[in-house]
């Protein structure tokens, strides 16, 4: 029993020091449920229900600096609601999210003594050096970084600390009850998320009231949780409608030939639509089919011709889309994605101001930037991708 009381006292002392430094973390640490476990062999972790678990055996080997860094790390997972993403609880996700949190903690001058946390620098040097600059890596979301890393990414003796099962705390002692509303088992996932977001907002307010300014570097990630999300397919539809409507001129001084209450309108040169589909890309088949179908119906609404170009290591097929069923295609994985031939074709076949949509991961093997610049200047180009690194001025990033 003595050691469990010691853990409780140590956490209370750390929370008191955080009240002076970063009230945001202290506020959340006060409201979470904390269990000390003999069974859990990691240092600390968060269950699928947001309970903070302390692995007693490893905790007792740490210095005070290590314990403080560890609590900041786990509270960051809680604040970013990583534990709610049940579908993404695997080793690779855990490594990515750990690395991003640790980078931000170190950026804010928090350090450790004996811990060996996953570092963003290590992932870059081991898996991504030569492909991406480190400055680009630090700007990526966890989703982007996840897709760049190989599935067999491996950190020796890595302790999983997100989405632990309740079985990991069956033997544990609850040393802090936490906020009753946050841990109400009758609440569904949506209600839990709403309650936690409210509590996280309260923590941000406590930081502001303390007059200490910005919480930490990870606050930008936290604030994203509260931004309304617009589906990327909706953004694409709005872009297409705007592009087409820009070629229609209304004149209220004259009546429409079809209806006296409507203005006379004249269609200028209606642009054609080119959809360039990287068949090895990561966009799900279902979402891509919806986007292509929407694009087809909008093009038909404006009497526009739609072409679909399937490509991977070059052009594999060119289709004139005349009916929705023409959109169906099979995935192809060749091991190398090359777009130069595709852009050369579009530059030859299209007229200026034609609309070009490019669906791709933009992990391109050949040199195409000169053609991309020409096409971007000449046509109305929009790229749809999971990543930011496209050479086109207009890019929709899939969340």
Protein backbone atom coordinates (compact mmCIF):
# COMPACT_ATOMS: atom_id res chain seq x y z
CA UNK A 1 0.00 0.00 0.00
CA UNK A 2 2.89 2.38 0.75
CA UNK A 3 4.06 2.58 -2.84
CA UNK A 4 0.58 3.32 -4.14
CA UNK A 5 0.31 6.22 -1.64
CA UNK A 6 3.72 7.41 -2.81
CA UNK A 7 2.53 7.48 -6.42
CA UNK A 8 -0.49 9.52 -5.35
CA UNK A 9 1.72 11.99 -3.51
CA UNK A 10 4.18 12.22 -6.41
CA UNK A 11 1.39 13.00 -8.88
CA UNK A 12 -0.01 15.64 -6.51
CA UNK A 13 3.42 17.32 -6.30
CA UNK A 14 3.81 17.26 -10.10
CA UNK A 15 0.31 18.70 -10.51
CA UNK A 16 1.17 21.51 -8.08
CA UNK A 17 4.29 22.40 -10.06
CA UNK A 18 2.29 22.36 -13.30
CA UNK A 19 -0.23 24.79 -11.81
CA UNK A 20 2.57 27.37 -11.78
CA UNK A 21 4.04 26.42 -15.18
CA UNK A 22 1.18 25.14 -17.37
CA UNK A 23 -2.27 25.20 -15.72
CA UNK A 24 -3.72 23.49 -18.80
CA UNK A 25 -2.04 20.18 -17.95
CA UNK A 26 -2.64 20.55 -14.21
CA UNK A 27 -6.37 21.11 -14.80
CA UNK A 28 -6.73 17.95 -16.91
CA UNK A 29 -4.54 15.92 -14.55
CA UNK A 30 -6.90 16.86 -11.71
CA UNK A 31 -9.98 15.59 -13.61
CA UNK A 32 -8.72 12.25 -15.01
CA UNK A 33 -9.23 8.91 -13.33
CA UNK A 34 -5.87 7.37 -12.33
CA UNK A 35 -5.20 3.69 -11.62
CA UNK A 36 -1.89 2.14 -10.49
CA UNK A 37 -1.43 -1.34 -11.96
CA UNK A 38 0.93 -4.24 -11.30
CA UNK A 39 -0.22 -6.02 -14.47
CA UNK A 40 0.52 -3.24 -16.97
CA UNK A 41 4.23 -3.47 -17.84
CA UNK A 42 4.61 -0.09 -19.52
CA UNK A 43 5.49 3.14 -17.74
CA UNK A 44 2.04 4.70 -18.17
CA UNK A 45 -0.83 4.59 -20.64
CA UNK A 46 -4.44 5.53 -21.39
CA UNK A 47 -7.30 3.05 -21.68
CA UNK A 48 -10.05 3.11 -24.30
CA UNK A 49 -12.17 4.87 -21.67
CA UNK A 50 -9.68 7.66 -20.98
CA UNK A 51 -8.34 6.26 -17.71
CA UNK A 52 -4.69 7.09 -16.94
CA UNK A 53 -2.82 3.91 -15.98
CA UNK A 54 0.48 3.98 -14.08
CA UNK A 55 2.63 0.85 -14.45
CA UNK A 56 3.90 0.58 -10.88
CA UNK A 57 7.02 -1.47 -11.60
CA UNK A 58 8.48 0.86 -14.24
CA UNK A 59 7.21 4.07 -12.64
CA UNK A 60 9.28 3.36 -9.56
CA UNK A 61 12.48 3.21 -11.66
CA UNK A 62 12.09 6.77 -12.97
CA UNK A 63 13.53 10.07 -11.83
CA UNK A 64 11.30 13.01 -10.96
CA UNK A 65 12.07 14.62 -14.35
CA UNK A 66 11.08 11.40 -16.09
CA UNK A 67 7.80 11.14 -14.18
CA UNK A 68 6.86 14.71 -15.02
CA UNK A 69 7.65 14.22 -18.72
CA UNK A 70 5.69 10.95 -18.71
CA UNK A 71 2.58 12.57 -17.21
CA UNK A 72 2.76 15.45 -19.70
CA UNK A 73 3.01 12.88 -22.49
CA UNK A 74 -0.02 10.86 -21.35
CA UNK A 75 -2.14 13.94 -20.65
CA UNK A 76 -1.32 15.06 -24.21
CA UNK A 77 -2.78 11.78 -25.51
CA UNK A 78 -5.90 12.43 -23.43
CA UNK A 79 -6.18 16.06 -24.58
CA UNK A 80 -5.89 15.02 -28.23
CA UNK A 81 -8.53 12.28 -27.69
CA UNK A 82 -6.22 9.62 -29.16
CA UNK A 83 -7.79 7.02 -26.87
CA UNK A 84 -11.21 7.57 -28.51
CA UNK A 85 -9.89 6.44 -31.90
CA UNK A 86 -10.48 2.75 -31.26
CA UNK A 87 -10.12 1.84 -34.94
CA UNK A 88 -6.56 3.17 -34.96
CA UNK A 89 -5.13 1.45 -31.91
CA UNK A 90 -2.14 -0.32 -33.39
CA UNK A 91 1.60 -0.11 -32.92
CA UNK A 92 2.24 2.13 -35.92
CA UNK A 93 -0.35 4.71 -34.87
CA UNK A 94 0.98 4.65 -31.33
CA UNK A 95 4.55 5.28 -32.53
CA UNK A 96 3.49 8.17 -34.78
CA UNK A 97 1.39 9.90 -32.14
CA UNK A 98 4.08 9.40 -29.48
CA UNK A 99 6.74 10.92 -31.73
CA UNK A 100 4.66 14.04 -32.47
CA UNK A 101 3.81 14.59 -28.79
CA UNK A 102 7.44 14.14 -27.72
CA UNK A 103 8.64 16.57 -30.38
CA UNK A 104 6.26 19.24 -29.08
CA UNK A 105 7.17 18.61 -25.43
CA UNK A 106 10.88 18.94 -26.19
CA UNK A 107 10.18 22.05 -28.27
CA UNK A 108 8.62 23.54 -25.14
CA UNK A 109 11.78 22.75 -23.14
CA UNK A 110 10.46 19.75 -21.21
CA UNK A 111 13.12 17.09 -20.82
CA UNK A 112 13.81 13.70 -19.24
CA UNK A 113 16.70 11.77 -17.73
CA UNK A 114 16.57 8.03 -18.35
CA UNK A 115 13.47 7.64 -20.54
CA UNK A 116 14.03 6.69 -24.18
CA UNK A 117 10.94 8.11 -25.89
CA UNK A 118 10.18 7.79 -29.59
CA UNK A 119 11.50 10.89 -31.34
CA UNK A 120 10.38 12.41 -34.62
CA UNK A 121 14.02 12.88 -35.54
CA UNK A 122 14.63 9.13 -35.26
CA UNK A 123 11.65 8.24 -37.49
CA UNK A 124 12.87 10.74 -40.07
CA UNK A 125 16.47 9.51 -40.10
CA UNK A 126 15.49 5.82 -40.18
CA UNK A 127 12.62 5.85 -42.68
CA UNK A 128 12.23 9.20 -44.46
CA UNK A 129 15.63 10.85 -44.87
CA UNK A 130 16.32 11.63 -48.52
CA UNK A 131 12.59 11.59 -49.31
CA UNK A 132 11.31 14.41 -47.12
CA UNK A 133 12.96 17.27 -45.27
CA UNK A 134 12.64 17.23 -41.50
CA UNK A 135 11.08 20.72 -41.60
CA UNK A 136 8.29 19.25 -43.76
CA UNK A 137 7.83 16.27 -41.44
CA UNK A 138 7.21 18.42 -38.35
CA UNK A 139 4.37 20.21 -40.15
CA UNK A 140 2.53 16.98 -40.96
CA UNK A 141 -0.46 15.62 -39.10
CA UNK A 142 -0.34 12.15 -37.56
CA UNK A 143 -2.49 10.89 -40.48
CA UNK A 144 0.05 12.14 -43.03
CA UNK A 145 3.05 10.75 -41.17
CA UNK A 146 1.28 7.41 -40.69
CA UNK A 147 0.85 6.96 -44.44
CA UNK A 148 4.48 7.80 -45.15
CA UNK A 149 5.94 5.24 -42.76
CA UNK A 150 6.18 1.54 -43.68
CA UNK A 151 3.72 -0.83 -42.05
CA UNK A 152 6.57 -2.73 -40.42
CA UNK A 153 7.92 0.36 -38.63
CA UNK A 154 9.54 -0.96 -35.49
CA UNK A 155 10.87 0.52 -32.25
CA UNK A 156 12.56 -2.11 -30.01
CA UNK A 157 10.80 -2.66 -26.65
CA UNK A 158 8.17 -0.07 -27.51
CA UNK A 159 5.46 -0.03 -24.78
CA UNK A 160 1.93 0.51 -26.13
CA UNK A 161 0.32 3.37 -24.22
CA UNK A 162 -2.89 4.21 -26.14
CA UNK A 163 -6.20 2.33 -26.07
CA UNK A 164 -5.34 -0.11 -23.28
CA UNK A 165 -8.02 -2.64 -22.37
CA UNK A 166 -9.81 -2.65 -19.04
CA UNK A 167 -8.08 -5.99 -18.37
CA UNK A 168 -4.85 -4.02 -17.94
CA UNK A 169 -6.26 -2.38 -14.80
CA UNK A 170 -8.25 -5.25 -13.26
CA UNK A 171 -5.71 -5.63 -10.46
CA UNK A 172 -5.10 -1.91 -10.07
CA UNK A 173 -5.83 0.52 -7.29
CA UNK A 174 -7.75 3.64 -8.16
CA UNK A 175 -5.78 6.51 -6.62
CA UNK A 176 -7.86 9.29 -8.19
CA UNK A 177 -11.56 8.98 -8.97
CA UNK A 178 -11.66 11.61 -11.69
CA UNK A 179 -14.66 13.57 -12.93
CA UNK A 180 -17.81 11.43 -12.66
CA UNK A 181 -19.41 12.80 -15.84
CA UNK A 182 -16.32 12.01 -17.93
CA UNK A 183 -16.35 8.37 -16.84
CA UNK A 184 -20.11 7.74 -16.88
CA UNK A 185 -20.45 4.30 -18.52
CA UNK A 186 -24.00 5.04 -19.70
CA UNK A 187 -22.72 7.71 -22.13
CA UNK A 188 -22.22 6.79 -25.77
CA UNK A 189 -19.12 7.72 -27.77
CA UNK A 190 -20.57 10.99 -29.08
CA UNK A 191 -21.63 12.12 -25.61
CA UNK A 192 -18.22 11.20 -24.18
CA UNK A 193 -16.44 13.16 -26.88
CA UNK A 194 -18.62 16.22 -26.24
CA UNK A 195 -17.99 16.09 -22.48
CA UNK A 196 -14.25 15.69 -22.91
CA UNK A 197 -14.07 18.55 -25.41
CA UNK A 198 -15.90 20.78 -22.93
CA UNK A 199 -13.41 19.84 -20.23
CA UNK A 200 -10.46 20.45 -22.58
CA UNK A 201 -11.89 23.88 -23.42
CA UNK A 202 -12.15 24.61 -19.70
CA UNK A 203 -8.47 23.65 -19.36
CA UNK A 204 -7.55 26.07 -22.16
CA UNK A 205 -9.52 28.81 -20.41
CA UNK A 206 -7.72 28.12 -17.12
CA UNK A 207 -4.44 28.65 -18.97
CA UNK A 208 -5.64 31.98 -20.37
CA UNK A 209 -6.92 33.18 -16.99
CA UNK A 210 -3.52 32.46 -15.49
CA UNK A 211 -2.08 34.99 -17.95
CA UNK A 212 0.52 32.56 -19.26
CA UNK A 213 -0.43 32.85 -22.93
CA UNK A 214 -0.17 29.85 -25.21
CA UNK A 215 -0.47 26.44 -23.58
CA UNK A 216 2.15 24.42 -25.46
CA UNK A 217 3.20 23.75 -29.03
CA UNK A 218 0.59 21.01 -29.12
CA UNK A 219 -2.22 23.50 -28.54
CA UNK A 220 -2.58 23.98 -32.31
CA UNK A 221 -3.40 20.27 -32.61
CA UNK A 222 -5.85 20.53 -29.71
CA UNK A 223 -7.66 23.50 -31.25
CA UNK A 224 -8.23 21.50 -34.44
CA UNK A 225 -10.59 19.28 -32.43
CA UNK A 226 -13.01 22.19 -32.14
CA UNK A 227 -12.97 23.31 -35.77
CA UNK A 228 -16.00 22.27 -37.84
CA UNK A 229 -14.95 19.74 -40.45
CA UNK A 230 -16.06 20.04 -44.05
CA UNK A 231 -15.98 16.86 -46.09
CA UNK A 232 -13.42 17.04 -48.92
CA UNK A 233 -15.98 15.84 -51.45
CA UNK A 234 -18.17 18.86 -50.60
CA UNK A 235 -15.21 21.19 -51.16
CA UNK A 236 -14.59 19.57 -54.54
CA UNK A 237 -18.24 19.94 -55.57
CA UNK A 238 -18.19 23.62 -54.59
CA UNK A 239 -15.02 24.16 -56.61
CA UNK A 240 -16.56 22.54 -59.70
CA UNK A 241 -19.81 24.49 -59.43
CA UNK A 242 -17.92 27.77 -59.03
CA UNK A 243 -15.69 26.95 -62.01
CA UNK A 244 -18.64 26.16 -64.28
CA UNK A 245 -20.83 29.05 -63.13
CA UNK A 246 -18.02 31.46 -63.91
CA UNK A 247 -18.73 30.76 -67.59
CA UNK A 248 -22.40 31.74 -67.42
CA UNK A 249 -23.43 35.41 -67.80
CA UNK A 250 -26.84 36.59 -66.55
CA UNK A 251 -28.53 39.69 -67.97
CA UNK A 252 -31.61 40.91 -66.02
CA UNK A 253 -32.32 43.51 -68.72
CA UNK A 254 -33.60 40.69 -70.93
CA UNK A 255 -36.05 37.90 -70.17
CA UNK A 256 -35.20 34.25 -70.34
CA UNK A 257 -36.58 32.47 -73.37
CA UNK A 258 -37.87 29.71 -71.09
CA UNK A 259 -39.43 31.77 -68.28
CA UNK A 260 -40.33 35.45 -68.07
CA UNK A 261 -39.36 35.69 -64.39
CA UNK A 262 -35.80 34.53 -65.02
CA UNK A 263 -33.00 36.57 -66.55
CA UNK A 264 -31.56 35.96 -69.95
CA UNK A 265 -28.34 33.98 -69.67
CA UNK A 266 -25.60 33.13 -72.04
CA UNK A 267 -23.13 30.29 -71.69
CA UNK A 268 -19.61 31.19 -72.66
CA UNK A 269 -17.18 28.50 -73.76
CA UNK A 270 -18.03 25.74 -71.27
CA UNK A 271 -14.89 24.04 -69.97
CA UNK A 272 -14.40 20.31 -70.28
CA UNK A 273 -13.54 18.22 -67.25
CA UNK A 274 -10.48 15.96 -66.97
CA UNK A 275 -10.25 13.63 -63.95
CA UNK A 276 -6.80 12.12 -63.49
CA UNK A 277 -7.02 9.08 -61.20
CA UNK A 278 -3.89 7.56 -59.69
CA UNK A 279 -5.04 3.92 -59.49
CA UNK A 280 -2.45 3.10 -56.82
CA UNK A 281 -3.52 5.99 -54.55
CA UNK A 282 -4.72 5.77 -50.94
CA UNK A 283 -8.13 7.39 -51.38
CA UNK A 284 -10.72 4.74 -50.53
CA UNK A 285 -12.56 3.21 -53.47
CA UNK A 286 -15.95 4.20 -52.00
CA UNK A 287 -15.03 7.86 -51.45
CA UNK A 288 -13.37 8.15 -54.85
CA UNK A 289 -16.43 6.66 -56.57
CA UNK A 290 -18.67 9.22 -54.85
CA UNK A 291 -16.38 12.10 -55.86
CA UNK A 292 -16.19 10.93 -59.48
CA UNK A 293 -19.94 10.41 -59.64
CA UNK A 294 -20.58 13.89 -58.25
CA UNK A 295 -18.13 15.33 -60.79
CA UNK A 296 -19.90 13.51 -63.64
CA UNK A 297 -23.36 14.78 -62.66
CA UNK A 298 -22.13 18.36 -62.27
CA UNK A 299 -20.41 18.23 -65.68
CA UNK A 300 -23.64 16.96 -67.27
CA UNK A 301 -25.61 19.75 -65.59
CA UNK A 302 -23.49 22.22 -67.57
CA UNK A 303 -23.31 20.15 -70.79
CA UNK A 304 -19.60 19.61 -70.29
CA UNK A 305 -17.57 16.67 -71.59
CA UNK A 306 -15.83 14.56 -68.92
CA UNK A 307 -12.75 12.44 -69.50
CA UNK A 308 -11.25 10.08 -66.95
CA UNK A 309 -7.57 9.18 -67.27
CA UNK A 310 -6.44 6.17 -65.24
CA UNK A 311 -2.73 6.13 -64.51
CA UNK A 312 -0.03 4.71 -62.29
CA UNK A 313 3.37 4.14 -63.93
CA UNK A 314 1.95 5.96 -66.97
CA UNK A 315 -1.42 6.14 -68.70
CA UNK A 316 -3.28 2.85 -68.48
CA UNK A 317 -6.64 3.95 -69.90
CA UNK A 318 -8.49 7.02 -71.21
CA UNK A 319 -12.28 7.08 -71.03
CA UNK A 320 -14.99 9.43 -72.24
CA UNK A 321 -17.50 9.29 -69.39
CA UNK A 322 -20.99 9.08 -70.85
CA UNK A 323 -22.82 7.34 -68.03
CA UNK A 324 -22.19 6.77 -64.29
CA UNK A 325 -21.15 3.12 -64.83
CA UNK A 326 -18.18 4.32 -66.92
CA UNK A 327 -16.53 5.51 -63.71
CA UNK A 328 -15.86 2.03 -62.29
CA UNK A 329 -12.24 0.87 -62.38
CA UNK A 330 -9.86 -1.57 -60.69
CA UNK A 331 -6.94 -0.65 -58.49
CA UNK A 332 -3.45 -1.14 -59.89
CA UNK A 333 -0.17 -1.30 -57.99
CA UNK A 334 2.94 -1.29 -60.15
CA UNK A 335 5.55 -0.15 -57.66
CA UNK A 336 6.27 3.19 -59.32
CA UNK A 337 4.00 6.20 -59.91
CA UNK A 338 4.80 8.43 -62.91
CA UNK A 339 2.66 11.35 -64.03
CA UNK A 340 4.64 13.08 -66.77
CA UNK A 341 2.97 11.19 -69.64
CA UNK A 342 -0.44 12.03 -68.15
CA UNK A 343 0.24 15.77 -67.96
CA UNK A 344 1.67 15.79 -71.49
CA UNK A 345 -1.55 14.24 -72.78
CA UNK A 346 -3.79 16.73 -70.93
CA UNK A 347 -1.75 19.68 -72.23
CA UNK A 348 -2.18 18.38 -75.80
CA UNK A 349 -5.84 17.38 -75.55
CA UNK A 350 -7.38 20.12 -73.41
CA UNK A 351 -8.09 23.74 -74.19
CA UNK A 352 -7.16 26.64 -71.89
CA UNK A 353 -9.42 26.97 -68.84
CA UNK A 354 -10.55 23.33 -68.98
CA UNK A 355 -10.94 21.89 -65.47
CA UNK A 356 -8.43 19.27 -64.31
CA UNK A 357 -8.85 17.25 -61.08
CA UNK A 358 -5.89 15.12 -59.99
CA UNK A 359 -6.53 12.36 -57.43
CA UNK A 360 -3.19 11.09 -56.13
CA UNK A 361 -0.87 10.62 -53.13
CA UNK A 362 1.74 12.59 -55.14
CA UNK A 363 4.47 10.14 -54.25
CA UNK A 364 5.77 10.61 -57.82
CA UNK A 365 8.90 8.97 -59.22
CA UNK A 366 9.50 11.07 -62.35
CA UNK A 367 10.28 14.75 -62.92
CA UNK A 368 7.10 16.63 -63.79
CA UNK A 369 7.29 20.06 -62.11
CA UNK A 370 7.79 21.95 -65.40
CA UNK A 371 4.61 20.42 -66.82
CA UNK A 372 2.73 21.00 -63.56
CA UNK A 373 3.55 24.71 -63.69
CA UNK A 374 2.43 24.96 -67.33
CA UNK A 375 -0.82 23.16 -66.63
CA UNK A 376 -1.51 25.19 -63.49
CA UNK A 377 -1.09 28.44 -65.44
CA UNK A 378 -3.11 27.32 -68.45
CA UNK A 379 -5.95 25.31 -66.92
CA UNK A 380 -8.08 25.25 -63.79
CA UNK A 381 -6.27 22.59 -61.79
CA UNK A 382 -7.12 21.21 -58.37
CA UNK A 383 -5.27 18.38 -56.63
CA UNK A 384 -7.00 16.03 -54.17
CA UNK A 385 -4.57 14.28 -51.84
CA UNK A 386 -3.79 13.16 -48.31
CA UNK A 387 -0.62 15.26 -48.39
CA UNK A 388 0.37 18.91 -48.70
CA UNK A 389 3.32 18.46 -51.01
CA UNK A 390 1.68 19.10 -54.38
CA UNK A 391 3.01 21.68 -56.85
CA UNK A 392 -0.48 22.98 -57.64
CA UNK A 393 -1.88 26.22 -56.29
CA UNK A 394 -5.24 24.69 -55.39
CA UNK A 395 -5.14 21.53 -53.27
CA UNK A 396 -7.84 19.80 -51.26
CA UNK A 397 -6.31 17.88 -48.40
CA UNK A 398 -8.31 14.85 -47.29
CA UNK A 399 -8.73 14.70 -43.50
